[in-house]
PDB file of N, CA and C in Angstrom:
ATOM      1  N   MET A   1     114.885  64.613  72.742  1.00  0.00           N
ATOM      2  CA  MET A   1     114.384  64.814  74.186  1.00  0.00           C
ATOM      3  C   MET A   1     113.729  66.277  74.379  1.00  0.00           C
ATOM      4  N   GLN A   2     112.721  66.588  75.053  1.00  0.00           N
ATOM      5  CA  GLN A   2     112.299  67.691  75.337  1.00  0.00           C
ATOM      6  C   GLN A   2     112.451  68.172  76.979  1.00  0.00           C
ATOM      7  N   ALA A   3     112.943  69.348  77.025  1.00  0.00           N
ATOM      8  CA  ALA A   3     113.499  69.963  78.308  1.00  0.00           C
ATOM      9  C   ALA A   3     111.939  70.338  79.128  1.00  0.00           C
ATOM     10  N   ILE A   4     111.716  70.111  80.129  1.00  0.00           N
ATOM     11  CA  ILE A   4     110.510  70.755  80.970  1.00  0.00           C
ATOM     12  C   ILE A   4     110.705  71.526  82.243  1.00  0.00           C
ATOM     13  N   PHE A   5     110.459  72.276  82.687  1.00  0.00           N
ATOM     14  CA  PHE A   5     110.728  72.822  84.042  1.00  0.00           C
ATOM     15  C   PHE A   5     109.471  72.717  84.864  1.00  0.00           C
ATOM     16  N   ILE A   6     109.519  72.299  86.206  1.00  0.00           N
ATOM     17  CA  ILE A   6     108.153  72.220  86.819  1.00  0.00           C
ATOM     18  C   ILE A   6     108.735  72.881  88.124  1.00  0.00           C
ATOM     19  N   MET A   7     107.986  74.021  88.580  1.00  0.00           N
ATOM     20  CA  MET A   7     108.028  74.799  89.732  1.00  0.00           C
ATOM     21  C   MET A   7     107.037  73.863  90.876  1.00  0.00           C
ATOM     22  N   VAL A   8     107.586  73.876  91.959  1.00  0.00           N
ATOM     23  CA  VAL A   8     106.866  73.067  93.174  1.00  0.00           C
ATOM     24  C   VAL A   8     106.836  73.719  94.378  1.00  0.00           C
ATOM     25  N   LYS A   9     105.671  73.817  94.802  1.00  0.00           N
ATOM     26  CA  LYS A   9     105.157  74.360  96.086  1.00  0.00           C
ATOM     27  C   LYS A   9     104.960  73.087  97.185  1.00  0.00           C
ATOM     28  N   CYS A  10     105.753  73.414  98.239  1.00  0.00           N
ATOM     29  CA  CYS A  10     105.823  72.044  99.079  1.00  0.00           C
ATOM     30  C   CYS A  10     105.162  72.441 100.446  1.00  0.00           C
ATOM     31  N   GLU A  11     104.618  71.572 101.276  1.00  0.00           N
ATOM     32  CA  GLU A  11     104.275  71.988 102.534  1.00  0.00           C
ATOM     33  C   GLU A  11     105.139  72.356 103.223  1.00  0.00           C
ATOM     34  N   LEU A  12     104.841  73.208 104.354  1.00  0.00           N
ATOM     35  CA  LEU A  12     105.955  73.905 105.184  1.00  0.00           C
ATOM     36  C   LEU A  12     106.921  73.078 105.882  1.00  0.00           C
ATOM     37  N   GLY A  13     108.077  73.274 105.575  1.00  0.00           N
ATOM     38  CA  GLY A  13     109.205  72.531 106.080  1.00  0.00           C
ATOM     39  C   GLY A  13     109.591  71.421 105.617  1.00  0.00           C
ATOM     40  N   LYS A  14     109.074  70.912 104.353  1.00  0.00           N
ATOM     41  CA  LYS A  14     109.117  69.646 103.715  1.00  0.00           C
ATOM     42  C   LYS A  14     110.113  69.826 102.279  1.00  0.00           C
ATOM     43  N   ALA A  15     110.693  71.088 102.025  1.00  0.00           N
ATOM     44  CA  ALA A  15     111.044  71.258 100.681  1.00  0.00           C
ATOM     45  C   ALA A  15     112.429  70.394 100.522  1.00  0.00           C
ATOM     46  N   TYR A  16     113.275  70.096 101.431  1.00  0.00           N
ATOM     47  CA  TYR A  16     114.368  69.133 101.173  1.00  0.00           C
ATOM     48  C   TYR A  16     113.795  67.807 101.185  1.00  0.00           C
ATOM     49  N   ASP A  17     113.083  67.384 101.915  1.00  0.00           N
ATOM     50  CA  ASP A  17     112.542  66.196 101.662  1.00  0.00           C
ATOM     51  C   ASP A  17     112.040  65.654 100.273  1.00  0.00           C
ATOM     52  N   VAL A  18     111.090  66.698  99.911  1.00  0.00           N
ATOM     53  CA  VAL A  18     110.570  66.569  98.369  1.00  0.00           C
ATOM     54  C   VAL A  18     111.917  66.713  97.420  1.00  0.00           C
ATOM     55  N   ALA A  19     112.655  67.490  97.532  1.00  0.00           N
ATOM     56  CA  ALA A  19     113.879  67.559  96.554  1.00  0.00           C
ATOM     57  C   ALA A  19     114.628  66.188  96.625  1.00  0.00           C
ATOM     58  N   ALA A  20     114.669  65.649  97.702  1.00  0.00           N
ATOM     59  CA  ALA A  20     115.526  64.245  97.653  1.00  0.00           C
ATOM     60  C   ALA A  20     114.762  63.272  97.295  1.00  0.00           C
ATOM     61  N   GLU A  21     113.463  63.067  97.556  1.00  0.00           N
ATOM     62  CA  GLU A  21     112.714  62.355  96.859  1.00  0.00           C
ATOM     63  C   GLU A  21     112.415  62.201  95.355  1.00  0.00           C
ATOM     64  N   ILE A  22     112.472  63.611  94.636  1.00  0.00           N
ATOM     65  CA  ILE A  22     112.417  63.654  93.179  1.00  0.00           C
ATOM     66  C   ILE A  22     113.888  63.168  92.868  1.00  0.00           C
ATOM     67  N   VAL A  23     114.725  63.727  93.057  1.00  0.00           N
ATOM     68  CA  VAL A  23     116.163  63.313  92.824  1.00  0.00           C
ATOM     69  C   VAL A  23     116.330  61.705  92.745  1.00  0.00           C
ATOM     70  N   ASP A  24     116.054  61.219  93.909  1.00  0.00           N
ATOM     71  CA  ASP A  24     116.267  59.825  94.108  1.00  0.00           C
ATOM     72  C   ASP A  24     115.631  58.735  93.334  1.00  0.00           C
ATOM     73  N   LYS A  25     114.199  59.146  93.198  1.00  0.00           N
ATOM     74  CA  LYS A  25     113.093  58.321  92.291  1.00  0.00           C
ATOM     75  C   LYS A  25     112.659  58.498  90.901  1.00  0.00           C
ATOM     76  N   ILE A  26     112.951  59.937  90.506  1.00  0.00           N
ATOM     77  CA  ILE A  26     112.396  60.145  89.077  1.00  0.00           C
ATOM     78  C   ILE A  26     113.543  60.379  88.341  1.00  0.00           C
ATOM     79  N   GLU A  27     113.628  59.228  87.356  1.00  0.00           N
ATOM     80  CA  GLU A  27     114.927  59.072  86.354  1.00  0.00           C
ATOM     81  C   GLU A  27     114.833  60.099  85.250  1.00  0.00           C
ATOM     82  N   GLN A  28     113.725  60.778  84.972  1.00  0.00           N
ATOM     83  CA  GLN A  28     113.803  61.911  83.949  1.00  0.00           C
ATOM     84  C   GLN A  28     114.197  63.443  84.463  1.00  0.00           C
ATOM     85  N   VAL A  29     114.354  63.324  85.872  1.00  0.00           N
ATOM     86  CA  VAL A  29     114.736  64.715  86.505  1.00  0.00           C
ATOM     87  C   VAL A  29     116.278  64.844  86.180  1.00  0.00           C
ATOM     88  N   SER A  30     116.632  65.954  85.820  1.00  0.00           N
ATOM     89  CA  SER A  30     118.153  66.248  85.385  1.00  0.00           C
ATOM     90  C   SER A  30     118.671  67.023  86.700  1.00  0.00           C
ATOM     91  N   GLU A  31     117.887  68.021  87.300  1.00  0.00           N
ATOM     92  CA  GLU A  31     118.569  69.052  88.250  1.00  0.00           C
ATOM     93  C   GLU A  31     117.491  69.614  89.014  1.00  0.00           C
ATOM     94  N   VAL A  32     117.508  69.675  90.471  1.00  0.00           N
ATOM     95  CA  VAL A  32     116.515  70.266  91.150  1.00  0.00           C
ATOM     96  C   VAL A  32     117.118  71.392  92.010  1.00  0.00           C
ATOM     97  N   TYR A  33     116.514  72.704  92.119  1.00  0.00           N
ATOM     98  CA  TYR A  33     117.064  73.835  92.599  1.00  0.00           C
ATOM     99  C   TYR A  33     116.244  74.385  93.596  1.00  0.00           C
ATOM    100  N   SER A  34     116.350  74.848  94.922  1.00  0.00           N
ATOM    101  CA  SER A  34     115.745  75.422  95.846  1.00  0.00           C
ATOM    102  C   SER A  34     115.539  76.870  95.024  1.00  0.00           C
ATOM    103  N   ILE A  35     114.435  77.536  95.301  1.00  0.00           N
ATOM    104  CA  ILE A  35     114.273  78.706  94.832  1.00  0.00           C
ATOM    105  C   ILE A  35     113.451  79.680  95.900  1.00  0.00           C
ATOM    106  N   SER A  36     113.625  80.812  95.749  1.00  0.00           N
ATOM    107  CA  SER A  36     112.784  81.821  96.672  1.00  0.00           C
ATOM    108  C   SER A  36     111.270  82.500  95.831  1.00  0.00           C
ATOM    109  N   GLY A  37     110.557  82.883  96.615  1.00  0.00           N
ATOM    110  CA  GLY A  37     109.204  83.296  95.935  1.00  0.00           C
ATOM    111  C   GLY A  37     108.248  82.313  96.168  1.00  0.00           C
ATOM    112  N   GLN A  38     107.156  82.431  95.431  1.00  0.00           N
ATOM    113  CA  GLN A  38     105.833  81.550  95.568  1.00  0.00           C
ATOM    114  C   GLN A  38     105.948  80.192  95.495  1.00  0.00           C
ATOM    115  N   TYR A  39     107.182  79.580  94.747  1.00  0.00           N
ATOM    116  CA  TYR A  39     107.427  78.143  94.805  1.00  0.00           C
ATOM    117  C   TYR A  39     108.755  77.749  95.368  1.00  0.00           C
ATOM    118  N   ASP A  40     109.023  76.776  95.970  1.00  0.00           N
ATOM    119  CA  ASP A  40     110.090  76.153  96.788  1.00  0.00           C
ATOM    120  C   ASP A  40     111.278  75.532  95.784  1.00  0.00           C
ATOM    121  N   LEU A  41     110.830  74.882  94.730  1.00  0.00           N
ATOM    122  CA  LEU A  41     111.731  74.032  94.083  1.00  0.00           C
ATOM    123  C   LEU A  41     111.564  74.421  92.632  1.00  0.00           C
ATOM    124  N   LEU A  42     112.595  74.255  91.982  1.00  0.00           N
ATOM    125  CA  LEU A  42     112.566  74.194  90.282  1.00  0.00           C
ATOM    126  C   LEU A  42     113.194  72.968  89.977  1.00  0.00           C
ATOM    127  N   VAL A  43     112.207  72.091  89.073  1.00  0.00           N
ATOM    128  CA  VAL A  43     112.958  70.919  88.683  1.00  0.00           C
ATOM    129  C   VAL A  43     112.985  70.768  87.141  1.00  0.00           C
ATOM    130  N   LYS A  44     114.105  70.388  86.722  1.00  0.00           N
ATOM    131  CA  LYS A  44     114.435  70.360  85.352  1.00  0.00           C
ATOM    132  C   LYS A  44     114.418  69.116  84.960  1.00  0.00           C
ATOM    133  N   CYS A  45     113.479  68.687  84.044  1.00  0.00           N
ATOM    134  CA  CYS A  45     113.339  67.272  83.328  1.00  0.00           C
ATOM    135  C   CYS A  45     113.580  67.057  82.046  1.00  0.00           C
ATOM    136  N   TYR A  46     113.976  65.895  81.371  1.00  0.00           N
ATOM    137  CA  TYR A  46     114.018  65.693  80.116  1.00  0.00           C
ATOM    138  C   TYR A  46     113.082  64.451  79.971  1.00  0.00           C
ATOM    139  N   LEU A  47     112.145  64.718  78.909  1.00  0.00           N
ATOM    140  CA  LEU A  47     111.280  63.694  78.585  1.00  0.00           C
ATOM    141  C   LEU A  47     111.517  63.245  77.110  1.00  0.00           C
ATOM    142  N   SER A  48     111.173  62.010  76.664  1.00  0.00           N
ATOM    143  CA  SER A  48     111.490  61.757  75.368  1.00  0.00           C
ATOM    144  C   SER A  48     110.149  62.648  74.427  1.00  0.00           C
ATOM    145  N   ARG A  49     110.292  62.717  73.271  1.00  0.00           N
ATOM    146  CA  ARG A  49     109.159  63.633  72.595  1.00  0.00           C
ATOM    147  C   ARG A  49     107.964  62.918  72.656  1.00  0.00           C
ATOM    148  N   ASP A  50     107.963  61.232  72.842  1.00  0.00           N
ATOM    149  CA  ASP A  50     106.763  60.813  72.805  1.00  0.00           C
ATOM    150  C   ASP A  50     106.200  60.357  74.125  1.00  0.00           C
ATOM    151  N   GLN A  51     106.723  61.109  75.113  1.00  0.00           N
ATOM    152  CA  GLN A  51     106.347  61.211  76.453  1.00  0.00           C
ATOM    153  C   GLN A  51     105.004  62.264  76.641  1.00  0.00           C
ATOM    154  N   ASP A  52     104.088  61.756  77.255  1.00  0.00           N
ATOM    155  CA  ASP A  52     102.791  62.827  77.503  1.00  0.00           C
ATOM    156  C   ASP A  52     103.222  63.583  78.864  1.00  0.00           C
ATOM    157  N   VAL A  53     103.560  65.013  78.641  1.00  0.00           N
ATOM    158  CA  VAL A  53     103.692  65.817  79.663  1.00  0.00           C
ATOM    159  C   VAL A  53     102.798  65.835  81.003  1.00  0.00           C
ATOM    160  N   GLY A  54     101.774  66.208  80.631  1.00  0.00           N
ATOM    161  CA  GLY A  54     100.281  65.979  81.499  1.00  0.00           C
ATOM    162  C   GLY A  54     100.387  64.803  82.436  1.00  0.00           C
ATOM    163  N   HIS A  55     100.608  63.537  81.795  1.00  0.00           N
ATOM    164  CA  HIS A  55     100.622  62.319  82.521  1.00  0.00           C
ATOM    165  C   HIS A  55     101.920  62.244  83.295  1.00  0.00           C
ATOM    166  N   PHE A  56     103.046  62.705  82.952  1.00  0.00           N
ATOM    167  CA  PHE A  56     104.274  62.778  83.709  1.00  0.00           C
ATOM    168  C   PHE A  56     104.185  63.538  84.780  1.00  0.00           C
ATOM    169  N   VAL A  57     103.664  64.875  84.820  1.00  0.00           N
ATOM    170  CA  VAL A  57     103.372  65.728  85.757  1.00  0.00           C
ATOM    171  C   VAL A  57     102.476  65.350  86.859  1.00  0.00           C
ATOM    172  N   THR A  58     101.346  64.972  86.359  1.00  0.00           N
ATOM    173  CA  THR A  58     100.136  64.336  87.372  1.00  0.00           C
ATOM    174  C   THR A  58     100.364  63.111  87.812  1.00  0.00           C
ATOM    175  N   GLY A  59     100.935  62.152  87.066  1.00  0.00           N
ATOM    176  CA  GLY A  59     101.141  60.812  87.573  1.00  0.00           C
ATOM    177  C   GLY A  59     102.383  60.517  88.172  1.00  0.00           C
ATOM    178  N   VAL A  60     103.247  61.361  87.979  1.00  0.00           N
ATOM    179  CA  VAL A  60     104.747  60.854  88.545  1.00  0.00           C
ATOM    180  C   VAL A  60     105.150  62.035  89.451  1.00  0.00           C
ATOM    181  N   VAL A  61     105.210  63.416  89.135  1.00  0.00           N
ATOM    182  CA  VAL A  61     105.823  64.318  89.922  1.00  0.00           C
ATOM    183  C   VAL A  61     104.850  64.617  91.036  1.00  0.00           C
ATOM    184  N   GLN A  62     103.531  64.898  90.711  1.00  0.00           N
ATOM    185  CA  GLN A  62     102.542  65.203  91.890  1.00  0.00           C
ATOM    186  C   GLN A  62     101.969  64.189  92.783  1.00  0.00           C
ATOM    187  N   GLN A  63     102.712  63.037  92.531  1.00  0.00           N
ATOM    188  CA  GLN A  63     102.387  61.957  93.550  1.00  0.00           C
ATOM    189  C   GLN A  63     103.466  61.764  94.701  1.00  0.00           C
ATOM    190  N   VAL A  64     104.539  62.872  94.521  1.00  0.00           N
ATOM    191  CA  VAL A  64     105.448  62.713  95.522  1.00  0.00           C
ATOM    192  C   VAL A  64     104.788  63.256  96.725  1.00  0.00           C
ATOM    193  N   PRO A  65     104.849  62.715  98.046  1.00  0.00           N
ATOM    194  CA  PRO A  65     104.530  63.048  99.191  1.00  0.00           C
ATOM    195  C   PRO A  65     104.858  64.565  99.548  1.00  0.00           C
ATOM    196  N   HIS A  66     104.059  65.487  99.953  1.00  0.00           N
ATOM    197  CA  HIS A  66     104.119  66.665 100.429  1.00  0.00           C
ATOM    198  C   HIS A  66     104.290  67.804  99.570  1.00  0.00           C
ATOM    199  N   ILE A  67     103.969  67.615  98.118  1.00  0.00           N
ATOM    200  CA  ILE A  67     103.900  68.574  97.207  1.00  0.00           C
ATOM    201  C   ILE A  67     102.426  69.342  97.387  1.00  0.00           C
ATOM    202  N   LYS A  68     102.330  70.416  97.298  1.00  0.00           N
ATOM    203  CA  LYS A  68     101.142  71.121  97.400  1.00  0.00           C
ATOM    204  C   LYS A  68     100.382  71.533  95.931  1.00  0.00           C
ATOM    205  N   ASP A  69     101.548  72.165  95.080  1.00  0.00           N
ATOM    206  CA  ASP A  69     101.078  72.741  93.999  1.00  0.00           C
ATOM    207  C   ASP A  69     102.533  72.480  92.956  1.00  0.00           C
ATOM    208  N   THR A  70     101.990  72.862  91.628  1.00  0.00           N
ATOM    209  CA  THR A  70     103.174  72.702  90.560  1.00  0.00           C
ATOM    210  C   THR A  70     102.458  73.790  89.541  1.00  0.00           C
ATOM    211  N   GLN A  71     103.540  74.180  88.689  1.00  0.00           N
ATOM    212  CA  GLN A  71     103.265  74.925  87.715  1.00  0.00           C
ATOM    213  C   GLN A  71     104.564  74.470  86.586  1.00  0.00           C
ATOM    214  N   THR A  72     104.242  74.140  85.359  1.00  0.00           N
ATOM    215  CA  THR A  72     105.017  73.397  84.314  1.00  0.00           C
ATOM    216  C   THR A  72     105.231  74.388  83.427  1.00  0.00           C
ATOM    217  N   ILE A  73     106.461  74.495  82.866  1.00  0.00           N
ATOM    218  CA  ILE A  73     107.051  75.269  81.957  1.00  0.00           C
ATOM    219  C   ILE A  73     107.371  74.344  80.815  1.00  0.00           C
ATOM    220  N   ILE A  74     106.790  74.361  79.616  1.00  0.00           N
ATOM    221  CA  ILE A  74     107.206  73.316  78.507  1.00  0.00           C
ATOM    222  C   ILE A  74     108.209  74.409  77.578  1.00  0.00           C
ATOM    223  N   THR A  75     109.217  73.599  77.266  1.00  0.00           N
ATOM    224  CA  THR A  75     109.956  74.529  76.504  1.00  0.00           C
ATOM    225  C   THR A  75     110.083  74.257  74.897  1.00  0.00           C
ATOM    226  N   PHE A  76     110.395  75.151  73.994  1.00  0.00           N
ATOM    227  CA  PHE A  76     110.513  74.653  72.716  1.00  0.00           C
ATOM    228  C   PHE A  76     111.977  74.518  71.860  1.00  0.00           C
ATOM    229  N   ASN A  77     112.757  75.668  72.278  1.00  0.00           N
ATOM    230  CA  ASN A  77     113.971  75.756  71.845  1.00  0.00           C
ATOM    231  C   ASN A  77     115.196  76.139  72.774  1.00  0.00           C
ATOM    232  N   ALA A  78     116.124  75.219  72.630  1.00  0.00           N
ATOM    233  CA  ALA A  78     117.318  75.621  73.434  1.00  0.00           C
ATOM    234  C   ALA A  78     118.400  76.585  72.639  1.00  0.00           C
ATOM    235  N   PHE A  79     118.657  77.657  73.353  1.00  0.00           N
ATOM    236  CA  PHE A  79     119.773  78.421  72.539  1.00  0.00           C
ATOM    237  C   PHE A  79     121.038  78.595  73.438  1.00  0.00           C
ATOM    238  N   THR A  80     122.156  78.571  72.521  1.00  0.00           N
ATOM    239  CA  THR A  80     123.652  78.674  73.250  1.00  0.00           C
ATOM    240  C   THR A  80     124.262  79.400  72.456  1.00  0.00           C
TER     241      THR A  80
END
């Protein structure tokens, strides 16, 4: 499994609605955090190694209503 993080910018007043929709409807989502700054949410996802990150982000996550923008962080190694 590959972990990716997606920072999500929402329409004004819609962050909680977007977070609920992401948690309820996207099975690859592990956690969603509200954050401060340029983006409203930080979404942690686990994808299979053969799943296309670009298609997942544009075809699944960005299709959630009230999302204005995303920035994806692709991870390589986890250190513990």
